[in-house]
C-alpha atoms as a PDB file:
ATOM      1  CA  UNK A   1     107.112-157.234  -9.297  1.00  0.00           C
ATOM      2  CA  UNK A   2     104.253-154.807  -8.592  1.00  0.00           C
ATOM      3  CA  UNK A   3     102.837-157.286  -5.969  1.00  0.00           C
ATOM      4  CA  UNK A   4     106.162-157.113  -4.028  1.00  0.00           C
ATOM      5  CA  UNK A   5     106.195-153.325  -3.861  1.00  0.00           C
ATOM      6  CA  UNK A   6     102.523-153.305  -2.939  1.00  0.00           C
ATOM      7  CA  UNK A   7     103.141-155.643   0.006  1.00  0.00           C
ATOM      8  CA  UNK A   8     106.063-153.440   1.178  1.00  0.00           C
ATOM      9  CA  UNK A   9     103.786-150.489   0.953  1.00  0.00           C
ATOM     10  CA  UNK A  10     101.247-152.307   3.141  1.00  0.00           C
ATOM     11  CA  UNK A  11     103.939-153.020   5.742  1.00  0.00           C
ATOM     12  CA  UNK A  12     105.010-149.362   5.942  1.00  0.00           C
ATOM     13  CA  UNK A  13     101.336-148.245   5.957  1.00  0.00           C
ATOM     14  CA  UNK A  14     100.688-150.351   8.998  1.00  0.00           C
ATOM     15  CA  UNK A  15     103.607-148.724  10.811  1.00  0.00           C
ATOM     16  CA  UNK A  16     102.288-145.312   9.651  1.00  0.00           C
ATOM     17  CA  UNK A  17      98.804-145.997  11.150  1.00  0.00           C
ATOM     18  CA  UNK A  18     100.377-147.181  14.483  1.00  0.00           C
ATOM     19  CA  UNK A  19     102.728-144.203  14.897  1.00  0.00           C
ATOM     20  CA  UNK A  20      99.912-141.927  13.978  1.00  0.00           C
ATOM     21  CA  UNK A  21      97.780-143.381  16.838  1.00  0.00           C
ATOM     22  CA  UNK A  22     100.638-142.793  19.183  1.00  0.00           C
ATOM     23  CA  UNK A  23     101.231-139.206  17.988  1.00  0.00           C
ATOM     24  CA  UNK A  24      97.563-138.306  18.465  1.00  0.00           C
ATOM     25  CA  UNK A  25      97.282-139.631  22.037  1.00  0.00           C
ATOM     26  CA  UNK A  26      96.103-136.623  24.127  1.00  0.00           C
ATOM     27  CA  UNK A  27      97.378-134.365  21.496  1.00  0.00           C
ATOM     28  CA  UNK A  28      95.983-131.572  19.226  1.00  0.00           C
ATOM     29  CA  UNK A  29      95.208-133.057  15.838  1.00  0.00           C
ATOM     30  CA  UNK A  30      95.803-130.058  13.514  1.00  0.00           C
ATOM     31  CA  UNK A  31      99.392-129.243  14.536  1.00  0.00           C
ATOM     32  CA  UNK A  32     100.298-132.990  14.407  1.00  0.00           C
ATOM     33  CA  UNK A  33      98.949-133.208  10.868  1.00  0.00           C
ATOM     34  CA  UNK A  34     100.780-130.013   9.890  1.00  0.00           C
ATOM     35  CA  UNK A  35     104.072-131.329  11.152  1.00  0.00           C
ATOM     36  CA  UNK A  36     103.414-134.531   9.269  1.00  0.00           C
ATOM     37  CA  UNK A  37     103.052-132.654   5.993  1.00  0.00           C
ATOM     38  CA  UNK A  38     106.091-130.455   6.869  1.00  0.00           C
ATOM     39  CA  UNK A  39     108.417-133.428   7.556  1.00  0.00           C
ATOM     40  CA  UNK A  40     107.124-135.198   4.419  1.00  0.00           C
ATOM     41  CA  UNK A  41     107.978-132.024   2.428  1.00  0.00           C
ATOM     42  CA  UNK A  42     111.417-131.834   3.933  1.00  0.00           C
ATOM     43  CA  UNK A  43     112.138-135.480   2.885  1.00  0.00           C
ATOM     44  CA  UNK A  44     111.400-134.710  -0.747  1.00  0.00           C
ATOM     45  CA  UNK A  45     112.586-131.097  -1.077  1.00  0.00           C
ATOM     46  CA  UNK A  46     116.280-132.115  -1.495  1.00  0.00           C
ATOM     47  CA  UNK A  47     115.232-134.520  -4.302  1.00  0.00           C
ATOM     48  CA  UNK A  48     113.411-131.744  -6.101  1.00  0.00           C
ATOM     49  CA  UNK A  49     116.343-129.330  -5.823  1.00  0.00           C
ATOM     50  CA  UNK A  50     118.969-132.033  -6.858  1.00  0.00           C
ATOM     51  CA  UNK A  51     116.757-133.061  -9.821  1.00  0.00           C
ATOM     52  CA  UNK A  52     116.443-129.452 -11.009  1.00  0.00           C
ATOM     53  CA  UNK A  53     120.018-128.199 -10.330  1.00  0.00           C
ATOM     54  CA  UNK A  54     122.170-131.240 -10.924  1.00  0.00           C
ATOM     55  CA  UNK A  55     122.303-134.585 -12.858  1.00  0.00           C
ATOM     56  CA  UNK A  56     123.031-136.586  -9.678  1.00  0.00           C
ATOM     57  CA  UNK A  57     119.617-138.351  -9.634  1.00  0.00           C
ATOM     58  CA  UNK A  58     119.292-138.709 -13.388  1.00  0.00           C
ATOM     59  CA  UNK A  59     118.161-142.303 -14.308  1.00  0.00           C
ATOM     60  CA  UNK A  60     117.468-143.212 -10.679  1.00  0.00           C
ATOM     61  CA  UNK A  61     114.040-143.953  -9.160  1.00  0.00           C
ATOM     62  CA  UNK A  62     114.363-140.700  -7.103  1.00  0.00           C
ATOM     63  CA  UNK A  63     114.549-138.241  -9.952  1.00  0.00           C
ATOM     64  CA  UNK A  64     111.819-135.646  -9.889  1.00  0.00           C
ATOM     65  CA  UNK A  65     110.637-134.601 -13.369  1.00  0.00           C
ATOM     66  CA  UNK A  66     109.923-130.952 -14.058  1.00  0.00           C
ATOM     67  CA  UNK A  67     106.475-129.723 -15.117  1.00  0.00           C
ATOM     68  CA  UNK A  68     104.488-126.476 -15.518  1.00  0.00           C
ATOM     69  CA  UNK A  69     101.157-125.380 -14.168  1.00  0.00           C
ATOM     70  CA  UNK A  70      99.354-127.591 -16.687  1.00  0.00           C
ATOM     71  CA  UNK A  71     100.761-130.570 -14.633  1.00  0.00           C
ATOM     72  CA  UNK A  72     100.894-129.090 -11.164  1.00  0.00           C
ATOM     73  CA  UNK A  73      97.238-128.073 -11.182  1.00  0.00           C
ATOM     74  CA  UNK A  74      96.395-131.827 -11.155  1.00  0.00           C
ATOM     75  CA  UNK A  75      98.798-132.325  -8.251  1.00  0.00           C
ATOM     76  CA  UNK A  76      97.164-129.483  -6.326  1.00  0.00           C
ATOM     77  CA  UNK A  77      93.803-131.253  -6.715  1.00  0.00           C
ATOM     78  CA  UNK A  78      95.318-134.510  -5.421  1.00  0.00           C
ATOM     79  CA  UNK A  79      96.735-132.661  -2.428  1.00  0.00           C
ATOM     80  CA  UNK A  80      93.262-131.331  -1.568  1.00  0.00           C
ATOM     81  CA  UNK A  81      91.760-134.841  -1.863  1.00  0.00           C
ATOM     82  CA  UNK A  82      94.313-136.511   0.314  1.00  0.00           C
ATOM     83  CA  UNK A  83      94.264-133.765   2.906  1.00  0.00           C
ATOM     84  CA  UNK A  84      90.514-134.069   3.220  1.00  0.00           C
ATOM     85  CA  UNK A  85      90.955-137.799   3.799  1.00  0.00           C
ATOM     86  CA  UNK A  86      93.785-137.227   6.312  1.00  0.00           C
ATOM     87  CA  UNK A  87      91.897-134.658   8.360  1.00  0.00           C
ATOM     88  CA  UNK A  88      88.886-136.948   8.740  1.00  0.00           C
ATOM     89  CA  UNK A  89      91.073-139.902   9.384  1.00  0.00           C
ATOM     90  CA  UNK A  90      93.201-138.152  12.068  1.00  0.00           C
ATOM     91  CA  UNK A  91      90.177-136.860  13.938  1.00  0.00           C
ATOM     92  CA  UNK A  92      88.446-140.220  13.702  1.00  0.00           C
ATOM     93  CA  UNK A  93      91.502-142.330  14.730  1.00  0.00           C
ATOM     94  CA  UNK A  94      92.176-140.055  17.824  1.00  0.00           C
ATOM     95  CA  UNK A  95      88.853-141.325  19.474  1.00  0.00           C
ATOM     96  CA  UNK A  96      88.728-144.861  18.243  1.00  0.00           C
ATOM     97  CA  UNK A  97      90.720-148.052  19.202  1.00  0.00           C
ATOM     98  CA  UNK A  98      93.336-148.948  16.589  1.00  0.00           C
ATOM     99  CA  UNK A  99      91.848-152.428  16.353  1.00  0.00           C
ATOM    100  CA  UNK A 100      88.480-150.820  15.253  1.00  0.00           C
ATOM    101  CA  UNK A 101      89.750-148.148  12.912  1.00  0.00           C
ATOM    102  CA  UNK A 102      92.319-150.372  11.130  1.00  0.00           C
ATOM    103  CA  UNK A 103      89.791-152.936   9.924  1.00  0.00           C
ATOM    104  CA  UNK A 104      87.375-150.268   8.858  1.00  0.00           C
ATOM    105  CA  UNK A 105      90.158-148.736   6.651  1.00  0.00           C
ATOM    106  CA  UNK A 106      90.803-152.264   5.353  1.00  0.00           C
ATOM    107  CA  UNK A 107      87.323-152.179   3.583  1.00  0.00           C
ATOM    108  CA  UNK A 108      88.345-149.094   1.592  1.00  0.00           C
ATOM    109  CA  UNK A 109      89.325-151.196  -1.513  1.00  0.00           C
ATOM    110  CA  UNK A 110      85.731-152.107  -2.023  1.00  0.00           C
ATOM    111  CA  UNK A 111      85.048-148.489  -3.146  1.00  0.00           C
ATOM    112  CA  UNK A 112      88.304-148.646  -5.217  1.00  0.00           C
ATOM    113  CA  UNK A 113      87.115-151.838  -6.806  1.00  0.00           C
ATOM    114  CA  UNK A 114      83.843-150.335  -7.951  1.00  0.00           C
ATOM    115  CA  UNK A 115      85.661-147.348  -9.331  1.00  0.00           C
ATOM    116  CA  UNK A 116      88.256-149.464 -11.099  1.00  0.00           C
ATOM    117  CA  UNK A 117      85.584-151.517 -12.716  1.00  0.00           C
ATOM    118  CA  UNK A 118      83.443-148.577 -13.875  1.00  0.00           C
ATOM    119  CA  UNK A 119      86.255-146.110 -14.777  1.00  0.00           C
ATOM    120  CA  UNK A 120      89.246-148.249 -15.940  1.00  0.00           C
ATOM    121  CA  UNK A 121      87.390-151.352 -17.066  1.00  0.00           C
ATOM    122  CA  UNK A 122      89.437-153.761 -14.831  1.00  0.00           C
ATOM    123  CA  UNK A 123      88.038-157.218 -14.458  1.00  0.00           C
ATOM    124  CA  UNK A 124      88.252-159.595 -11.484  1.00  0.00           C
ATOM    125  CA  UNK A 125      88.205-163.389 -11.491  1.00  0.00           C
ATOM    126  CA  UNK A 126      86.281-165.717  -9.217  1.00  0.00           C
ATOM    127  CA  UNK A 127      89.046-165.811  -6.455  1.00  0.00           C
ATOM    128  CA  UNK A 128      89.165-162.031  -6.369  1.00  0.00           C
ATOM    129  CA  UNK A 129      85.427-161.727  -6.105  1.00  0.00           C
ATOM    130  CA  UNK A 130      85.452-164.119  -3.169  1.00  0.00           C
ATOM    131  CA  UNK A 131      88.065-161.858  -1.529  1.00  0.00           C
ATOM    132  CA  UNK A 132      85.851-158.811  -1.983  1.00  0.00           C
ATOM    133  CA  UNK A 133      82.878-160.671  -0.391  1.00  0.00           C
ATOM    134  CA  UNK A 134      84.972-161.608   2.605  1.00  0.00           C
ATOM    135  CA  UNK A 135      86.093-157.997   3.061  1.00  0.00           C
ATOM    136  CA  UNK A 136      82.472-156.727   3.008  1.00  0.00           C
ATOM    137  CA  UNK A 137      81.529-159.421   5.514  1.00  0.00           C
ATOM    138  CA  UNK A 138      84.336-158.368   7.764  1.00  0.00           C
ATOM    139  CA  UNK A 139      82.966-154.843   7.951  1.00  0.00           C
ATOM    140  CA  UNK A 140      79.654-156.199   9.159  1.00  0.00           C
ATOM    141  CA  UNK A 141      81.231-158.380  11.770  1.00  0.00           C
ATOM    142  CA  UNK A 142      83.424-155.473  12.944  1.00  0.00           C
ATOM    143  CA  UNK A 143      80.417-153.369  13.603  1.00  0.00           C
ATOM    144  CA  UNK A 144      79.116-156.121  15.865  1.00  0.00           C
ATOM    145  CA  UNK A 145      82.400-156.209  17.789  1.00  0.00           C
ATOM    146  CA  UNK A 146      82.380-152.447  18.166  1.00  0.00           C
ATOM    147  CA  UNK A 147      79.023-152.562  19.939  1.00  0.00           C
ATOM    148  CA  UNK A 148      80.572-154.476  22.784  1.00  0.00           C
ATOM    149  CA  UNK A 149      82.739-151.426  23.440  1.00  0.00           C
ATOM    150  CA  UNK A 150      79.835-148.995  23.314  1.00  0.00           C
ATOM    151  CA  UNK A 151      80.712-147.949  19.681  1.00  0.00           C
ATOM    152  CA  UNK A 152      77.519-147.553  17.573  1.00  0.00           C
ATOM    153  CA  UNK A 153      78.481-147.619  13.935  1.00  0.00           C
ATOM    154  CA  UNK A 154      75.329-145.828  12.953  1.00  0.00           C
ATOM    155  CA  UNK A 155      75.693-142.774  15.238  1.00  0.00           C
ATOM    156  CA  UNK A 156      79.331-142.508  16.322  1.00  0.00           C
ATOM    157  CA  UNK A 157      80.961-139.382  14.758  1.00  0.00           C
ATOM    158  CA  UNK A 158      84.463-140.923  14.820  1.00  0.00           C
ATOM    159  CA  UNK A 159      83.188-143.945  12.882  1.00  0.00           C
ATOM    160  CA  UNK A 160      81.672-141.603  10.337  1.00  0.00           C
ATOM    161  CA  UNK A 161      84.962-139.691  10.048  1.00  0.00           C
ATOM    162  CA  UNK A 162      86.878-142.905   9.479  1.00  0.00           C
ATOM    163  CA  UNK A 163      84.350-143.946   6.736  1.00  0.00           C
ATOM    164  CA  UNK A 164      84.660-140.503   5.122  1.00  0.00           C
ATOM    165  CA  UNK A 165      88.392-140.808   5.241  1.00  0.00           C
ATOM    166  CA  UNK A 166      88.151-144.224   3.552  1.00  0.00           C
ATOM    167  CA  UNK A 167      85.881-142.861   0.791  1.00  0.00           C
ATOM    168  CA  UNK A 168      88.093-139.925   0.108  1.00  0.00           C
ATOM    169  CA  UNK A 169      91.097-142.283   0.113  1.00  0.00           C
ATOM    170  CA  UNK A 170      89.363-144.442  -2.479  1.00  0.00           C
ATOM    171  CA  UNK A 171      88.798-141.311  -4.672  1.00  0.00           C
ATOM    172  CA  UNK A 172      92.595-140.491  -4.199  1.00  0.00           C
ATOM    173  CA  UNK A 173      93.555-144.061  -5.338  1.00  0.00           C
ATOM    174  CA  UNK A 174      91.415-143.726  -8.508  1.00  0.00           C
ATOM    175  CA  UNK A 175      92.854-140.280  -9.197  1.00  0.00           C
ATOM    176  CA  UNK A 176      96.415-141.642  -8.751  1.00  0.00           C
ATOM    177  CA  UNK A 177      95.710-144.206 -11.443  1.00  0.00           C
ATOM    178  CA  UNK A 178      94.419-141.437 -13.791  1.00  0.00           C
ATOM    179  CA  UNK A 179      97.411-139.242 -12.998  1.00  0.00           C
ATOM    180  CA  UNK A 180     100.223-141.811 -13.552  1.00  0.00           C
ATOM    181  CA  UNK A 181      98.720-144.156 -16.052  1.00  0.00           C
ATOM    182  CA  UNK A 182     100.122-143.734 -19.618  1.00  0.00           C
ATOM    183  CA  UNK A 183      98.006-141.891 -22.153  1.00  0.00           C
ATOM    184  CA  UNK A 184      97.493-145.133 -24.015  1.00  0.00           C
ATOM    185  CA  UNK A 185      95.756-146.522 -20.904  1.00  0.00           C
ATOM    186  CA  UNK A 186      93.547-143.429 -20.470  1.00  0.00           C
ATOM    187  CA  UNK A 187      95.800-141.546 -18.046  1.00  0.00           C
ATOM    188  CA  UNK A 188      97.877-138.400 -18.031  1.00  0.00           C
ATOM    189  CA  UNK A 189     101.307-140.051 -17.672  1.00  0.00           C
ATOM    190  CA  UNK A 190     102.526-137.634 -14.958  1.00  0.00           C
ATOM    191  CA  UNK A 191     105.840-138.581 -13.336  1.00  0.00           C
ATOM    192  CA  UNK A 192     105.239-140.419 -10.078  1.00  0.00           C
ATOM    193  CA  UNK A 193     108.007-138.598  -8.173  1.00  0.00           C
ATOM    194  CA  UNK A 194     106.693-135.215  -9.280  1.00  0.00           C
ATOM    195  CA  UNK A 195     103.312-136.323  -7.856  1.00  0.00           C
ATOM    196  CA  UNK A 196     104.630-137.574  -4.581  1.00  0.00           C
ATOM    197  CA  UNK A 197     107.082-134.755  -3.973  1.00  0.00           C
ATOM    198  CA  UNK A 198     104.831-131.835  -4.860  1.00  0.00           C
ATOM    199  CA  UNK A 199     101.602-132.988  -3.351  1.00  0.00           C
ATOM    200  CA  UNK A 200     103.339-133.097   0.032  1.00  0.00           C
ATOM    201  CA  UNK A 201     104.578-129.566  -0.384  1.00  0.00           C
ATOM    202  CA  UNK A 202     101.126-128.290  -1.484  1.00  0.00           C
ATOM    203  CA  UNK A 203      99.574-130.150   1.543  1.00  0.00           C
ATOM    204  CA  UNK A 204     101.960-128.459   3.829  1.00  0.00           C
ATOM    205  CA  UNK A 205     100.951-125.008   2.531  1.00  0.00           C
ATOM    206  CA  UNK A 206      97.249-125.952   2.876  1.00  0.00           C
ATOM    207  CA  UNK A 207      97.734-127.237   6.399  1.00  0.00           C
ATOM    208  CA  UNK A 208      99.637-124.114   7.449  1.00  0.00           C
ATOM    209  CA  UNK A 209      96.569-122.083   6.442  1.00  0.00           C
ATOM    210  CA  UNK A 210      94.328-124.417   8.427  1.00  0.00           C
ATOM    211  CA  UNK A 211      96.623-124.159  11.445  1.00  0.00           C
ATOM    212  CA  UNK A 212      96.615-120.314  11.421  1.00  0.00           C
ATOM    213  CA  UNK A 213      92.875-119.963  10.767  1.00  0.00           C
ATOM    214  CA  UNK A 214      91.294-122.761  12.736  1.00  0.00           C
ATOM    215  CA  UNK A 215      93.622-123.933  15.436  1.00  0.00           C
ATOM    216  CA  UNK A 216      95.946-121.087  16.521  1.00  0.00           C
ATOM    217  CA  UNK A 217      93.248-118.589  17.489  1.00  0.00           C
ATOM    218  CA  UNK A 218      91.658-121.035  19.961  1.00  0.00           C
ATOM    219  CA  UNK A 219      94.615-123.238  20.831  1.00  0.00           C
ATOM    220  CA  UNK A 220      94.585-122.209  24.482  1.00  0.00           C
ATOM    221  CA  UNK A 221      90.955-123.438  24.870  1.00  0.00           C
ATOM    222  CA  UNK A 222      91.404-126.743  23.006  1.00  0.00           C
ATOM    223  CA  UNK A 223      93.535-129.870  23.506  1.00  0.00           C
ATOM    224  CA  UNK A 224      97.172-128.638  23.944  1.00  0.00           C
ATOM    225  CA  UNK A 225      99.864-129.733  21.575  1.00  0.00           C
ATOM    226  CA  UNK A 226     102.988-131.552  22.810  1.00  0.00           C
ATOM    227  CA  UNK A 227     105.878-132.855  20.862  1.00  0.00           C
ATOM    228  CA  UNK A 228     106.504-136.625  20.518  1.00  0.00           C
ATOM    229  CA  UNK A 229     109.102-138.419  18.521  1.00  0.00           C
ATOM    230  CA  UNK A 230     106.462-140.610  16.867  1.00  0.00           C
ATOM    231  CA  UNK A 231     105.418-137.585  14.778  1.00  0.00           C
ATOM    232  CA  UNK A 232     108.675-138.013  12.774  1.00  0.00           C
ATOM    233  CA  UNK A 233     107.843-141.722  12.401  1.00  0.00           C
ATOM    234  CA  UNK A 234     104.486-140.870  10.921  1.00  0.00           C
ATOM    235  CA  UNK A 235     106.088-138.829   8.122  1.00  0.00           C
ATOM    236  CA  UNK A 236     108.797-141.337   7.492  1.00  0.00           C
ATOM    237  CA  UNK A 237     106.507-144.343   7.130  1.00  0.00           C
ATOM    238  CA  UNK A 238     103.817-142.674   5.029  1.00  0.00           C
ATOM    239  CA  UNK A 239     106.565-141.397   2.657  1.00  0.00           C
ATOM    240  CA  UNK A 240     107.964-144.967   2.294  1.00  0.00           C
ATOM    241  CA  UNK A 241     104.498-146.451   1.828  1.00  0.00           C
ATOM    242  CA  UNK A 242     103.547-143.943  -0.884  1.00  0.00           C
ATOM    243  CA  UNK A 243     106.909-144.335  -2.659  1.00  0.00           C
ATOM    244  CA  UNK A 244     106.421-148.116  -2.977  1.00  0.00           C
ATOM    245  CA  UNK A 245     102.824-147.687  -3.912  1.00  0.00           C
ATOM    246  CA  UNK A 246     103.498-145.086  -6.602  1.00  0.00           C
ATOM    247  CA  UNK A 247     106.332-147.196  -8.069  1.00  0.00           C
ATOM    248  CA  UNK A 248     104.101-150.253  -8.283  1.00  0.00           C
ATOM    249  CA  UNK A 249     101.329-148.243  -9.870  1.00  0.00           C
ATOM    250  CA  UNK A 250     103.585-147.319 -12.806  1.00  0.00           C
ATOM    251  CA  UNK A 251     104.495-150.968 -13.556  1.00  0.00           C
ATOM    252  CA  UNK A 252     102.661-152.263 -16.635  1.00  0.00           C
ATOM    253  CA  UNK A 253      99.646-154.568 -15.952  1.00  0.00           C
ATOM    254  CA  UNK A 254      99.379-153.477 -12.330  1.00  0.00           C
ATOM    255  CA  UNK A 255      95.783-153.753 -11.117  1.00  0.00           C
ATOM    256  CA  UNK A 256      94.635-150.840  -9.025  1.00  0.00           C
ATOM    257  CA  UNK A 257      91.793-152.854  -7.535  1.00  0.00           C
ATOM    258  CA  UNK A 258      94.088-155.585  -6.328  1.00  0.00           C
ATOM    259  CA  UNK A 259      96.839-153.203  -5.141  1.00  0.00           C
ATOM    260  CA  UNK A 260      94.282-151.318  -3.043  1.00  0.00           C
ATOM    261  CA  UNK A 261      93.170-154.543  -1.434  1.00  0.00           C
ATOM    262  CA  UNK A 262      96.756-155.638  -0.640  1.00  0.00           C
ATOM    263  CA  UNK A 263      97.648-152.314   0.875  1.00  0.00           C
ATOM    264  CA  UNK A 264      94.908-152.787   3.381  1.00  0.00           C
ATOM    265  CA  UNK A 265      96.844-155.771   4.677  1.00  0.00           C
ATOM    266  CA  UNK A 266      98.476-153.035   6.750  1.00  0.00           C
ATOM    267  CA  UNK A 267      95.723-153.742   9.247  1.00  0.00           C
ATOM    268  CA  UNK A 268      97.723-156.774  10.473  1.00  0.00           C
ATOM    269  CA  UNK A 269     100.560-154.509  11.606  1.00  0.00           C
ATOM    270  CA  UNK A 270      98.295-151.893  13.144  1.00  0.00           C
ATOM    271  CA  UNK A 271      96.217-154.611  14.878  1.00  0.00           C
ATOM    272  CA  UNK A 272      99.339-156.001  16.465  1.00  0.00           C
ATOM    273  CA  UNK A 273     100.430-152.587  17.611  1.00  0.00           C
ATOM    274  CA  UNK A 274      96.990-152.034  19.124  1.00  0.00           C
ATOM    275  CA  UNK A 275      97.076-155.370  20.982  1.00  0.00           C
ATOM    276  CA  UNK A 276     100.637-155.194  22.166  1.00  0.00           C
ATOM    277  CA  UNK A 277     101.403-151.536  22.855  1.00  0.00           C
ATOM    278  CA  UNK A 278      98.004-149.902  23.387  1.00  0.00           C
ATOM    279  CA  UNK A 279      96.494-152.932  25.285  1.00  0.00           C
ATOM    280  CA  UNK A 280      93.153-152.561  23.481  1.00  0.00           C
ATOM    281  CA  UNK A 281      90.146-154.757  24.609  1.00  0.00           C
ATOM    282  CA  UNK A 282      87.828-157.301  23.031  1.00  0.00           C
ATOM    283  CA  UNK A 283      90.663-158.724  20.979  1.00  0.00           C
ATOM    284  CA  UNK A 284      89.160-162.201  20.644  1.00  0.00           C
ATOM    285  CA  UNK A 285      86.142-161.005  18.586  1.00  0.00           C
ATOM    286  CA  UNK A 286      88.281-158.541  16.589  1.00  0.00           C
ATOM    287  CA  UNK A 287      90.755-161.319  15.796  1.00  0.00           C
ATOM    288  CA  UNK A 288      87.924-163.155  14.048  1.00  0.00           C
ATOM    289  CA  UNK A 289      87.159-160.008  12.026  1.00  0.00           C
ATOM    290  CA  UNK A 290      90.829-159.707  11.155  1.00  0.00           C
ATOM    291  CA  UNK A 291      90.891-163.254  10.012  1.00  0.00           C
ATOM    292  CA  UNK A 292      88.133-162.510   7.511  1.00  0.00           C
ATOM    293  CA  UNK A 293      90.214-159.606   6.241  1.00  0.00           C
ATOM    294  CA  UNK A 294      93.285-161.906   5.863  1.00  0.00           C
ATOM    295  CA  UNK A 295      91.223-164.608   4.016  1.00  0.00           C
ATOM    296  CA  UNK A 296      89.954-161.892   1.679  1.00  0.00           C
ATOM    297  CA  UNK A 297      93.636-160.827   1.002  1.00  0.00           C
ATOM    298  CA  UNK A 298      94.563-164.456   0.485  1.00  0.00           C
ATOM    299  CA  UNK A 299      91.885-165.004  -2.214  1.00  0.00           C
ATOM    300  CA  UNK A 300      92.924-161.781  -3.899  1.00  0.00           C
ATOM    301  CA  UNK A 301      96.529-163.022  -4.081  1.00  0.00           C
ATOM    302  CA  UNK A 302      95.463-166.386  -5.387  1.00  0.00           C
ATOM    303  CA  UNK A 303      93.462-164.633  -8.108  1.00  0.00           C
ATOM    304  CA  UNK A 304      96.550-162.624  -8.930  1.00  0.00           C
END
């Protein structure tokens, strides 16, 4: 069951990356990110209110549990981690082809894997190790494809930002496992809806401060902001992707290392968007890189 929810999360995550690329086209990054956190908060705010004031959501997957500061302080930390990843990712994606940024993000699970092995004691079988090796190889091949478009992986700032976003995303994934795993499994057992609902709200507050301090004073001298409907799509798809992911993470025997790998299958969706709608170049070489990613996913599924 957790595999099904993880694949659904990957589908929505691919749509999220694609809509994000569209929203950032010739647009100011900080206000787009702020609006993303704002709309995500507005999606979950009614669930928080209904759960606190009524019994309408009791017993449903949408019920948000209550908790004091002893719980919320952990959610605030998660918000800071995710927001750091998003800021790096948004700035990096704005200046990179989607067919480059997507496969780089697809290698994020390697860091999650190492953390899962060291922190949670998860173990992989032969098929899963083959899948990991193929993902590492795909990153190397992708760097060669990027050179054909004048993108040097060693010195390009946007590449560095995407890599930083991936590393912070891996830290967030490990922290999610710690937050929502039961105490018997070494976690805190925090309600998944409490985490998803409130971390969006805390992110919105943090981004509002960033907007006022860093963007607004110089907004006339920087890239102007313009509204685009895709901004709503960004918030909708990331909310759906995280909902499926958090639900899968709370299912017993779910392997974080495998879940993280499968979620990166979102690269297929974003790659297709990059090819069909953004008309990106050098698709033949990148398709081979993508094939390595898919083979890696296949071996991970066989091992599961």
